[in-house]
Protein backbone atom coordinates (compact mmCIF):
# COMPACT_ATOMS: atom_id res chain seq x y z
CA MET A 1 -23.43 -12.31 31.08
CA LYS A 2 -21.61 -15.21 32.74
CA ILE A 3 -18.14 -15.38 31.19
CA ILE A 4 -15.29 -17.81 31.88
CA ILE A 5 -11.76 -16.69 30.92
CA ALA A 6 -8.91 -19.20 30.89
CA GLY A 7 -5.48 -17.61 31.21
CA ALA A 8 -4.56 -14.82 33.63
CA GLY A 9 -1.71 -13.53 31.46
CA GLU A 10 -1.72 -10.09 29.84
CA VAL A 11 -4.60 -10.70 27.43
CA GLY A 12 -6.71 -12.58 30.00
CA PHE A 13 -6.15 -10.07 32.79
CA HIS A 14 -6.85 -7.11 30.50
CA LEU A 15 -10.05 -8.73 29.26
CA ALA A 16 -11.16 -9.57 32.79
CA LYS A 17 -10.50 -5.96 33.83
CA LEU A 18 -12.53 -4.52 30.95
CA LEU A 19 -15.40 -6.94 31.54
CA SER A 20 -15.44 -6.45 35.32
CA TYR A 21 -15.97 -2.72 34.71
CA GLU A 22 -19.06 -3.72 32.75
CA ALA A 23 -20.48 -5.61 35.76
CA GLN A 24 -20.25 -8.93 33.95
CA GLU A 25 -20.00 -12.13 36.01
CA ILE A 26 -16.40 -13.24 35.40
CA THR A 27 -14.56 -16.41 36.40
CA LEU A 28 -10.82 -16.41 35.69
CA ILE A 29 -9.00 -19.79 35.55
CA ASP A 30 -5.23 -20.22 35.70
CA ASN A 31 -2.59 -22.59 37.09
CA ASP A 32 -0.41 -19.73 38.34
CA LYS A 33 -1.19 -18.87 41.96
CA GLU A 34 0.56 -15.46 41.87
CA ARG A 35 -1.27 -14.30 38.75
CA LEU A 36 -4.61 -15.29 40.24
CA ALA A 37 -3.81 -13.57 43.55
CA TYR A 38 -2.99 -10.35 41.68
CA ALA A 39 -6.24 -10.55 39.68
CA ASP A 40 -8.23 -11.37 42.82
CA ASN A 41 -6.81 -8.35 44.67
CA HIS A 42 -7.33 -5.89 41.80
CA LEU A 43 -10.58 -7.01 40.14
CA ASP A 44 -14.10 -7.80 41.26
CA ILE A 45 -14.13 -11.31 39.76
CA ARG A 46 -14.04 -14.96 40.84
CA VAL A 47 -10.68 -16.71 40.41
CA LEU A 48 -10.19 -20.46 40.13
CA LYS A 49 -6.83 -22.26 40.30
CA GLY A 50 -6.52 -25.29 38.05
CA ASP A 51 -6.09 -26.69 34.56
CA ALA A 52 -8.54 -25.05 32.16
CA THR A 53 -8.92 -28.35 30.28
CA SER A 54 -9.95 -30.25 33.44
CA ILE A 55 -13.61 -31.19 33.29
CA GLU A 56 -13.82 -30.96 37.08
CA VAL A 57 -12.44 -27.42 37.05
CA LEU A 58 -14.86 -26.42 34.27
CA GLN A 59 -17.79 -27.86 36.19
CA ASP A 60 -16.63 -25.94 39.28
CA ALA A 61 -16.67 -22.81 37.09
CA LYS A 62 -20.30 -23.69 36.15
CA VAL A 63 -19.48 -23.96 32.46
CA SER A 64 -22.90 -25.48 31.64
CA SER A 65 -24.64 -22.18 32.46
CA SER A 66 -21.98 -19.91 30.94
CA ASP A 67 -22.74 -17.50 28.10
CA MET A 68 -19.16 -17.47 26.88
CA VAL A 69 -15.84 -19.28 27.41
CA ILE A 70 -12.68 -17.47 26.27
CA GLY A 71 -9.40 -19.36 26.05
CA VAL A 72 -6.47 -16.92 26.08
CA THR A 73 -3.70 -18.95 27.74
CA SER A 74 -0.23 -18.94 26.17
CA SER A 75 -0.91 -22.49 24.90
CA GLU A 76 -2.84 -22.69 21.65
CA THR A 77 -3.57 -26.38 22.27
CA THR A 78 -5.04 -25.63 25.70
CA ASN A 79 -7.29 -22.90 24.27
CA LEU A 80 -8.60 -25.10 21.46
CA THR A 81 -9.17 -28.09 23.78
CA LEU A 82 -10.90 -25.88 26.34
CA CYS A 83 -13.35 -24.50 23.77
CA LEU A 84 -14.12 -27.97 22.44
CA LEU A 85 -14.86 -29.26 25.98
CA ALA A 86 -16.78 -26.15 27.04
CA LYS A 87 -19.14 -26.39 24.07
CA GLN A 88 -19.80 -30.06 24.82
CA LEU A 89 -20.48 -29.15 28.45
CA GLY A 90 -23.10 -26.55 27.51
CA SER A 91 -21.42 -23.16 27.03
CA LYS A 92 -23.28 -20.96 24.51
CA LYS A 93 -20.21 -19.42 22.79
CA THR A 94 -16.50 -20.20 22.72
CA ILE A 95 -13.50 -18.11 21.62
CA ALA A 96 -9.92 -19.41 21.34
CA ARG A 97 -6.73 -17.38 21.15
CA ILE A 98 -4.31 -18.97 18.67
CA SER A 99 -0.76 -18.32 17.55
CA ASN A 100 -0.80 -20.37 14.33
CA THR A 101 -2.24 -17.90 11.82
CA GLU A 102 -2.87 -20.78 9.38
CA PHE A 103 -5.94 -21.63 11.44
CA VAL A 104 -7.40 -18.22 10.59
CA ASP A 105 -6.37 -18.51 6.92
CA PHE A 106 -8.10 -21.89 6.55
CA LYS A 107 -11.05 -21.50 8.94
CA ASP A 108 -13.53 -21.93 6.09
CA LEU A 109 -11.88 -25.24 5.16
CA ILE A 110 -11.63 -26.63 8.71
CA LYS A 111 -15.13 -26.01 10.08
CA PHE A 112 -14.03 -24.98 13.57
CA ASP A 113 -17.58 -24.05 14.61
CA GLU A 114 -18.65 -27.65 13.97
CA LEU A 115 -15.90 -28.74 16.36
CA GLY A 116 -17.27 -26.43 19.04
CA ILE A 117 -14.97 -23.42 18.51
CA ASP A 118 -17.03 -20.41 17.47
CA GLU A 119 -14.27 -17.82 17.00
CA LEU A 120 -10.49 -17.79 16.56
CA ILE A 121 -8.47 -14.77 17.68
CA SER A 122 -4.81 -14.28 16.74
CA PRO A 123 -3.24 -11.23 18.45
CA GLU A 124 -0.24 -11.53 16.11
CA GLU A 125 -2.49 -11.52 13.04
CA LEU A 126 -4.38 -8.49 14.37
CA ALA A 127 -1.15 -6.61 15.09
CA ALA A 128 0.27 -7.34 11.61
CA ALA A 129 -3.00 -6.18 9.99
CA GLU A 130 -2.94 -3.00 12.09
CA ILE A 131 0.63 -2.23 10.97
CA GLN A 132 -0.32 -2.64 7.31
CA LEU A 133 -3.28 -0.31 7.70
CA LEU A 134 -1.10 2.30 9.43
CA LEU A 135 1.40 2.17 6.57
CA ASN A 136 -1.40 2.60 4.02
CA GLN A 137 -2.67 5.72 5.86
CA SER A 138 0.83 6.86 6.72
CA ALA A 139 0.12 10.42 7.89
CA PHE A 140 -2.43 9.30 10.47
CA ASN A 141 -1.57 7.86 13.88
CA ASP A 142 -4.58 5.55 14.28
CA THR A 143 -6.79 3.84 11.71
CA TYR A 144 -9.61 1.31 11.49
CA GLU A 145 -11.52 0.03 8.47
CA PHE A 146 -15.17 -1.03 8.45
CA GLU A 147 -16.34 -3.54 5.82
CA GLY A 148 -13.02 -3.56 3.98
CA GLY A 149 -12.72 0.22 3.80
CA LEU A 150 -16.27 1.29 2.83
CA LEU A 151 -15.94 3.48 5.89
CA THR A 152 -12.56 4.32 7.42
CA MET A 153 -11.75 5.85 10.79
CA VAL A 154 -8.53 7.86 11.03
CA GLY A 155 -6.94 9.74 13.91
CA VAL A 156 -4.70 12.77 13.48
CA PHE A 157 -3.06 15.51 15.56
CA LEU A 158 -4.12 18.83 14.04
CA PRO A 159 -1.18 21.08 13.11
CA LYS A 160 -1.75 24.84 12.94
CA THR A 161 -1.77 24.52 9.13
CA ALA A 162 -5.01 22.45 9.22
CA ALA A 163 -7.73 24.28 7.27
CA PHE A 164 -10.33 23.99 10.04
CA VAL A 165 -8.24 25.00 13.09
CA GLY A 166 -10.09 27.81 14.88
CA LYS A 167 -13.41 26.90 13.25
CA THR A 168 -16.40 25.11 14.75
CA VAL A 169 -17.58 21.77 13.35
CA LYS A 170 -20.59 23.60 11.88
CA GLU A 171 -18.42 26.26 10.21
CA ALA A 172 -16.09 23.62 8.80
CA ALA A 173 -19.09 21.78 7.32
CA THR A 174 -20.37 24.92 5.53
CA ILE A 175 -16.90 25.83 4.20
CA PHE A 176 -16.30 22.32 2.86
CA PRO A 177 -19.83 21.09 1.99
CA GLU A 178 -18.65 18.56 -0.61
CA LEU A 179 -16.54 16.59 1.86
CA HIS A 180 -17.56 13.18 3.08
CA PHE A 181 -16.32 12.88 6.62
CA ILE A 182 -17.46 13.54 10.16
CA PRO A 183 -15.50 14.12 13.41
CA ILE A 184 -16.48 11.51 16.01
CA ALA A 185 -14.08 12.01 18.94
CA LEU A 186 -11.66 14.66 20.12
CA GLN A 187 -9.05 15.03 22.85
CA ARG A 188 -7.57 18.43 23.65
CA SER A 189 -3.79 18.74 23.70
CA GLY A 190 -2.36 18.07 27.18
CA THR A 191 -5.60 16.65 28.60
CA GLN A 192 -7.06 13.18 29.15
CA TYR A 193 -10.63 14.36 28.53
CA THR A 194 -12.50 12.91 25.56
CA LEU A 195 -15.18 14.95 23.76
CA ILE A 196 -17.85 13.83 21.33
CA PRO A 197 -17.78 16.79 18.88
CA ARG A 198 -20.97 18.79 18.36
CA GLY A 199 -21.76 21.64 15.96
CA ASP A 200 -20.33 24.29 18.28
CA THR A 201 -17.12 22.37 19.11
CA VAL A 202 -14.06 24.37 18.00
CA PHE A 203 -11.08 22.61 16.42
CA LYS A 204 -7.80 23.71 18.03
CA GLU A 205 -4.14 23.25 17.15
CA GLY A 206 -2.77 20.07 18.77
CA ASP A 207 -6.16 18.37 19.07
CA GLN A 208 -6.16 14.61 18.56
CA VAL A 209 -9.23 14.22 16.32
CA TYR A 210 -10.81 11.04 14.99
CA PHE A 211 -12.81 11.20 11.76
CA VAL A 212 -14.97 8.68 9.93
CA THR A 213 -14.82 9.04 6.16
CA SER A 214 -16.34 7.24 3.20
CA ALA A 215 -14.29 5.82 0.31
CA GLY A 216 -12.26 8.60 -1.30
CA GLY A 217 -12.61 10.94 1.67
CA VAL A 218 -9.20 10.07 3.11
CA ASP A 219 -7.42 12.10 0.40
CA ASP A 220 -9.56 15.15 1.25
CA LEU A 221 -8.68 14.72 4.92
CA TYR A 222 -5.00 14.76 4.05
CA LYS A 223 -5.42 18.16 2.42
CA LEU A 224 -7.61 19.71 5.10
CA SER A 225 -5.86 18.37 8.17
CA GLY A 226 -2.59 19.92 7.00
CA VAL A 227 -0.70 16.61 7.02
CA ARG A 228 1.04 15.26 3.95
CA LYS A 229 0.52 11.79 2.56
CA LYS A 230 3.84 9.99 2.82
CA GLU A 231 4.85 7.48 0.21
CA ILE A 232 5.99 4.34 2.00
CA LYS A 233 8.13 1.91 0.01
CA ASN A 234 11.23 1.01 2.05
CA VAL A 235 10.48 -0.57 5.43
CA MET A 236 12.83 -1.73 8.18
CA ILE A 237 11.45 -4.19 10.74
CA LEU A 238 13.23 -4.81 14.03
CA GLY A 239 12.48 -8.25 15.46
CA GLY A 240 11.66 -11.57 13.82
CA SER A 241 8.79 -12.30 16.22
CA LYS A 242 5.54 -13.75 14.91
CA VAL A 243 4.30 -10.19 14.37
CA GLY A 244 7.55 -9.22 12.64
CA PHE A 245 7.56 -12.28 10.40
CA LYS A 246 3.91 -11.92 9.37
CA THR A 247 4.29 -8.19 8.75
CA ALA A 248 7.41 -8.78 6.62
CA ARG A 249 5.69 -11.56 4.65
CA ASP A 250 2.58 -9.49 3.95
CA LEU A 251 4.58 -6.38 2.99
CA CYS A 252 6.79 -8.42 0.64
CA ASN A 253 3.64 -9.76 -1.03
CA LYS A 254 2.58 -6.14 -1.59
CA LYS A 255 5.93 -5.31 -3.20
CA PHE A 256 7.41 -3.26 -0.34
CA ASN A 257 11.19 -3.31 0.04
CA VAL A 258 11.68 -4.98 3.42
CA LYS A 259 14.73 -5.25 5.67
CA LEU A 260 14.31 -7.34 8.81
CA ILE A 261 16.81 -7.36 11.70
CA GLU A 262 16.81 -10.37 14.03
CA GLN A 263 19.31 -10.93 16.85
CA ASN A 264 18.95 -14.72 17.05
CA LYS A 265 21.17 -16.25 14.35
CA GLU A 266 19.16 -19.46 13.90
CA LYS A 267 15.87 -17.61 13.67
CA ALA A 268 17.36 -15.08 11.23
CA PHE A 269 18.42 -17.90 8.86
CA GLU A 270 14.96 -19.52 9.12
CA ILE A 271 13.24 -16.26 8.25
CA ALA A 272 15.64 -15.68 5.35
CA ASP A 273 14.71 -19.09 3.94
CA ASP A 274 10.98 -18.42 4.33
CA LEU A 275 11.11 -14.85 2.99
CA PRO A 276 13.38 -14.80 -0.08
CA ASN A 277 12.13 -11.34 -1.07
CA ALA A 278 13.14 -9.74 2.24
CA LEU A 279 16.68 -8.80 3.24
CA VAL A 280 17.23 -10.47 6.64
CA ILE A 281 20.09 -9.20 8.80
CA ASN A 282 21.42 -11.05 11.84
CA GLY A 283 22.35 -8.40 14.40
CA ASP A 284 21.34 -6.37 17.45
CA GLY A 285 18.88 -3.70 16.37
CA ARG A 286 19.74 -1.63 19.46
CA ASN A 287 23.17 -1.02 17.93
CA VAL A 288 22.96 2.42 16.30
CA GLU A 289 26.05 1.70 14.18
CA LEU A 290 24.33 -1.38 12.71
CA LEU A 291 21.24 0.67 11.89
CA ASP A 292 23.41 3.29 10.19
CA GLU A 293 25.29 0.60 8.24
CA GLU A 294 21.96 -0.76 7.00
CA SER A 295 20.98 2.71 5.72
CA LEU A 296 18.31 3.47 8.30
CA GLU A 297 18.11 7.06 7.04
CA SER A 298 16.94 5.81 3.60
CA MET A 299 13.93 3.98 5.09
CA ASP A 300 10.38 5.34 4.81
CA ALA A 301 9.09 3.41 7.82
CA PHE A 302 10.61 1.74 10.88
CA ILE A 303 8.63 -0.95 12.75
CA ALA A 304 9.95 -2.27 16.07
CA VAL A 305 8.27 -5.51 17.16
CA THR A 306 10.79 -7.27 19.43
CA GLY A 307 9.57 -8.83 22.66
CA ASN A 308 10.89 -5.85 24.65
CA SER A 309 8.75 -2.69 24.75
CA GLU A 310 11.61 -0.43 25.84
CA THR A 311 13.84 -1.67 23.01
CA ASN A 312 11.03 -0.98 20.55
CA ILE A 313 10.46 2.54 21.88
CA MET A 314 14.16 3.48 22.01
CA SER A 315 14.90 2.14 18.52
CA CYS A 316 11.91 4.07 17.14
CA LEU A 317 13.31 7.24 18.73
CA VAL A 318 16.63 6.58 16.97
CA ALA A 319 14.70 6.13 13.71
CA LYS A 320 12.75 9.34 14.30
CA SER A 321 16.03 11.22 14.83
CA LYS A 322 16.94 10.16 11.26
CA ASN A 323 13.70 11.78 9.98
CA ILE A 324 12.00 8.47 9.17
CA LYS A 325 8.47 9.23 7.94
CA LYS A 326 6.64 6.60 9.99
CA THR A 327 7.61 4.85 13.22
CA ILE A 328 5.55 2.09 14.86
CA ALA A 329 6.44 0.37 18.15
CA LEU A 330 4.86 -2.74 19.65
CA VAL A 331 4.44 -2.26 23.42
CA GLU A 332 3.04 -4.38 26.22
CA ASN A 333 2.49 -1.64 28.80
CA MET A 334 -0.81 0.20 28.24
CA ASP A 335 0.49 3.26 30.13
CA TYR A 336 2.94 3.98 27.31
CA PHE A 337 0.07 5.01 25.03
CA GLN A 338 -0.14 8.40 26.72
CA LEU A 339 3.53 9.04 25.91
CA SER A 340 3.63 8.13 22.21
CA HIS A 341 3.07 11.58 20.71
CA SER A 342 4.90 13.56 23.38
CA ILE A 343 8.08 11.50 22.91
CA GLY A 344 7.83 11.60 19.13
CA ILE A 345 6.79 8.07 18.07
CA ASP A 346 3.99 8.06 15.50
CA THR A 347 2.05 5.02 16.72
CA LEU A 348 2.16 2.47 19.50
CA ILE A 349 0.28 -0.80 19.10
CA ASN A 350 -0.60 -3.35 21.74
CA LYS A 351 -1.51 -6.96 20.95
CA LYS A 352 -3.61 -7.51 24.06
CA LEU A 353 -5.65 -4.37 23.39
CA LEU A 354 -6.28 -5.46 19.78
CA ALA A 355 -7.30 -8.96 20.93
CA ALA A 356 -9.52 -7.59 23.70
CA ASN A 357 -11.25 -5.21 21.25
CA ASN A 358 -11.90 -8.09 18.91
CA ILE A 359 -13.35 -10.28 21.66
CA PHE A 360 -15.25 -7.42 23.28
CA ARG A 361 -17.75 -7.07 20.45
CA TYR A 362 -19.23 -10.47 21.34
CA ILE A 363 -20.19 -9.13 24.77
CA ARG A 364 -22.10 -6.11 23.49
CA LYS A 365 -25.88 -6.40 23.05
CA GLY A 366 -27.43 -5.98 19.61
CA GLU A 367 -25.89 -7.17 16.34
CA VAL A 368 -22.35 -5.82 16.86
CA ILE A 369 -20.23 -6.56 13.78
CA ALA A 370 -17.06 -4.74 14.80
CA LEU A 371 -15.71 -2.87 17.79
CA THR A 372 -12.56 -0.92 18.52
CA ARG A 373 -11.32 1.20 21.39
CA LEU A 374 -9.24 4.25 20.57
CA ASN A 375 -5.69 4.43 21.91
CA ASN A 376 -5.66 6.59 25.04
CA LEU A 377 -9.26 7.79 24.54
CA ASN A 378 -12.16 6.72 26.70
CA VAL A 379 -14.53 5.85 23.84
CA GLU A 380 -15.67 2.84 21.86
CA ILE A 381 -16.42 2.62 18.15
CA LEU A 382 -19.11 0.03 17.43
CA GLU A 383 -20.64 -1.22 14.19
CA PHE A 384 -24.25 -2.38 14.64
CA GLU A 385 -26.47 -4.17 12.12
CA VAL A 386 -30.00 -2.76 12.13
CA LYS A 387 -32.71 -5.38 12.64
CA ALA A 388 -36.45 -5.02 11.92
CA THR A 389 -37.03 -4.76 15.69
CA SER A 390 -34.38 -2.06 16.23
CA ALA A 391 -35.73 1.26 17.54
CA VAL A 392 -33.61 3.15 14.96
CA SER A 393 -35.12 1.30 11.97
CA GLY A 394 -37.12 3.67 9.72
CA GLU A 395 -36.11 6.76 11.72
CA LEU A 396 -34.35 9.93 10.59
CA VAL A 397 -31.00 10.49 12.31
CA LYS A 398 -32.10 13.91 13.67
CA GLU A 399 -35.23 12.40 15.25
CA LEU A 400 -33.45 9.62 17.15
CA ASP A 401 -33.38 9.69 20.93
CA PHE A 402 -29.60 9.58 20.75
CA PRO A 403 -27.52 10.45 23.84
CA ARG A 404 -25.23 13.49 23.57
CA GLU A 405 -22.33 11.29 24.67
CA ALA A 406 -22.52 9.36 21.37
CA ILE A 407 -22.57 10.08 17.64
CA ILE A 408 -23.33 8.21 14.42
CA GLY A 409 -20.16 8.22 12.32
CA GLY A 410 -21.55 6.63 9.17
CA VAL A 411 -23.79 3.97 7.61
CA ILE A 412 -22.97 1.15 5.22
CA ARG A 413 -25.83 0.29 2.85
CA ASN A 414 -25.77 -1.94 -0.24
CA GLY A 415 -21.98 -2.04 -0.32
CA LYS A 416 -21.55 1.72 -0.03
CA GLY A 417 -20.27 3.85 2.85
CA ILE A 418 -22.39 6.92 3.64
CA ILE A 419 -21.78 9.82 6.04
CA ALA A 420 -25.26 9.98 7.58
CA LEU A 421 -26.39 13.50 8.48
CA GLY A 422 -29.65 14.62 10.13
CA ASP A 423 -32.01 13.93 7.22
CA PHE A 424 -30.73 10.40 6.58
CA LYS A 425 -33.29 7.65 7.27
CA ILE A 426 -31.89 4.43 8.78
CA ALA A 427 -33.28 1.19 7.37
CA GLN A 428 -33.28 -2.49 8.28
CA GLY A 429 -30.05 -4.15 7.15
CA ASP A 430 -27.98 -0.97 7.46
CA LYS A 431 -24.67 -1.25 9.28
CA VAL A 432 -24.31 1.78 11.54
CA VAL A 433 -20.97 2.96 12.98
CA VAL A 434 -21.40 4.62 16.38
CA CYS A 435 -18.83 6.38 18.59
CA SER A 436 -19.79 6.46 22.25
CA LEU A 437 -18.47 7.29 25.70
CA PRO A 438 -18.79 4.28 28.05
CA LYS A 439 -21.68 5.70 30.09
CA ALA A 440 -23.90 5.99 27.00
CA ILE A 441 -23.33 2.46 25.68
CA PRO A 442 -26.29 0.79 27.49
CA ARG A 443 -28.67 3.35 25.89
CA ILE A 444 -27.08 2.85 22.47
CA GLU A 445 -27.39 -0.95 22.75
CA LYS A 446 -31.13 -0.65 23.44
CA LEU A 447 -31.63 1.34 20.24
CA PHE A 448 -30.19 -1.52 18.16
CA LEU A 449 -31.80 -4.54 19.88
């Protein structure tokens, strides 16, 4: 595919890096010479200095023959204008990164596709939604919902108390035949090697395991994985950023007790006016005395979403020392993901990774409805819609020519999530969740074309 990305910031660079690994033809546009030089030296892509909303620059980037134009500059106006121009100039698909979440809330009212903007991506909205999901599944360190929760993916570190530690996948299935979940990815403790579990794979203490479960199966996973479901009611949020504000607003609407700490006095007063149901404190959240004064130890969850990754990590460590049930830190550096569990923070989230995942599904072949990459694991979770022409249509799962480096996690049919085992027959219209290592993705895509 020929893809034009405008904006060589964190989201744009990360996207360009992911796509360049996929041998896509990428052109990266930015006004910043240093950013472009860095991208040019580190990635196999074409870089173009200039204003992304300049028609001359877009023509130089060959926008008329492009398959996709992605606007991820720091300026929402630039991204929207770029997409509008690109569509007029012949680009097949356009995606704009936005910061005003109202655009997402009212996208059905303002027909953005008729204006030439096919998709709107808000990293802040995605991060706030991820935080809510993590609080709902509080004992797990990674979660993702397909079709509003008809199938749910959860990640957990197995303690030695987990019922299936020391057993193979096959043995676990025979011991707990009534359970509706399937392991889809596994990383051994202390390694960076990702496994797709098979029948003879043994669960070990300390494994980071990802499961897909149907509705109701999450409670069974709590019991069997040896982790306790934690009731989350009192939440402290550090940072009145867009992510912090949206998270606080959404949690207040769901009747959580929310305390928000913001260092900027003017911003703190604005947030207090907008969120009458939240307790907004003007102060420095790095001050341990302030956290103690605000009864940090009585909180069920601590969410650090300031603009500084190190502040977020350190404040979460302070919270963890007070035995807070759930700690979540927003970080910009992808390398920190490998440290989260070893240093004691429950979950790290990254806006650019969430945005890139969301955009990435439009690059995949076949009818990809959703896509996510697992934190620190070299796998992708994709949700395909089965077409009449798909090779999997009408086939039993056990008879599919499915690569060993991939696994079917579940199927959504007629509004119901199903854990699809060997004798399940896939039909046209099914939505199939697949977990795959990168090298197997081209083969998987062909099965769903």
